[in-house]
Amino acid sequence: MKQFQFKLDPVLKYRRFQEEQARMDLAEARMVCREIRSRMEEVCRKKAGMQAQLQQESRSGITAGRYLDCRNFVSRLDRELADARKELRKQEKKVQMLGSQLKQQYIAKNHW
């Protein structure tokens, strides 16, 4: 006797595949957010260190060229931080979008 085969099995497999893909995309987006945050923390540490060093050197006497170099470096770090904030906001929106897509995939998979 022929074994019973559920006709919608390929549809269910495809929906499981879509849900798993949505999970992986969401996990990857969250990982990118963590990387951006850690990069921002590193830039903040560099900026704080440079500002402390600049303040210490300005007390003991610093050349104008050295002062300008340090200020330019701090300004560059400020720009990097602003760019990272923009990128983080964009990535967080992506995480929200992927989270809602995952929820929709879960509902679609379990709707049958």
Foldseek 3Di string as FASTA:
>chain_A
DDDDDDPCVVVLVVLVVQLVVLVVVLVVLVVVLVVLVVVLVVLVVVLVVLVVVLVVCVVVDDDPVVNVVSVVSNVVSVVVNVVSVVVNVVSVVVSVVSVVVSVVSVCVSPVD
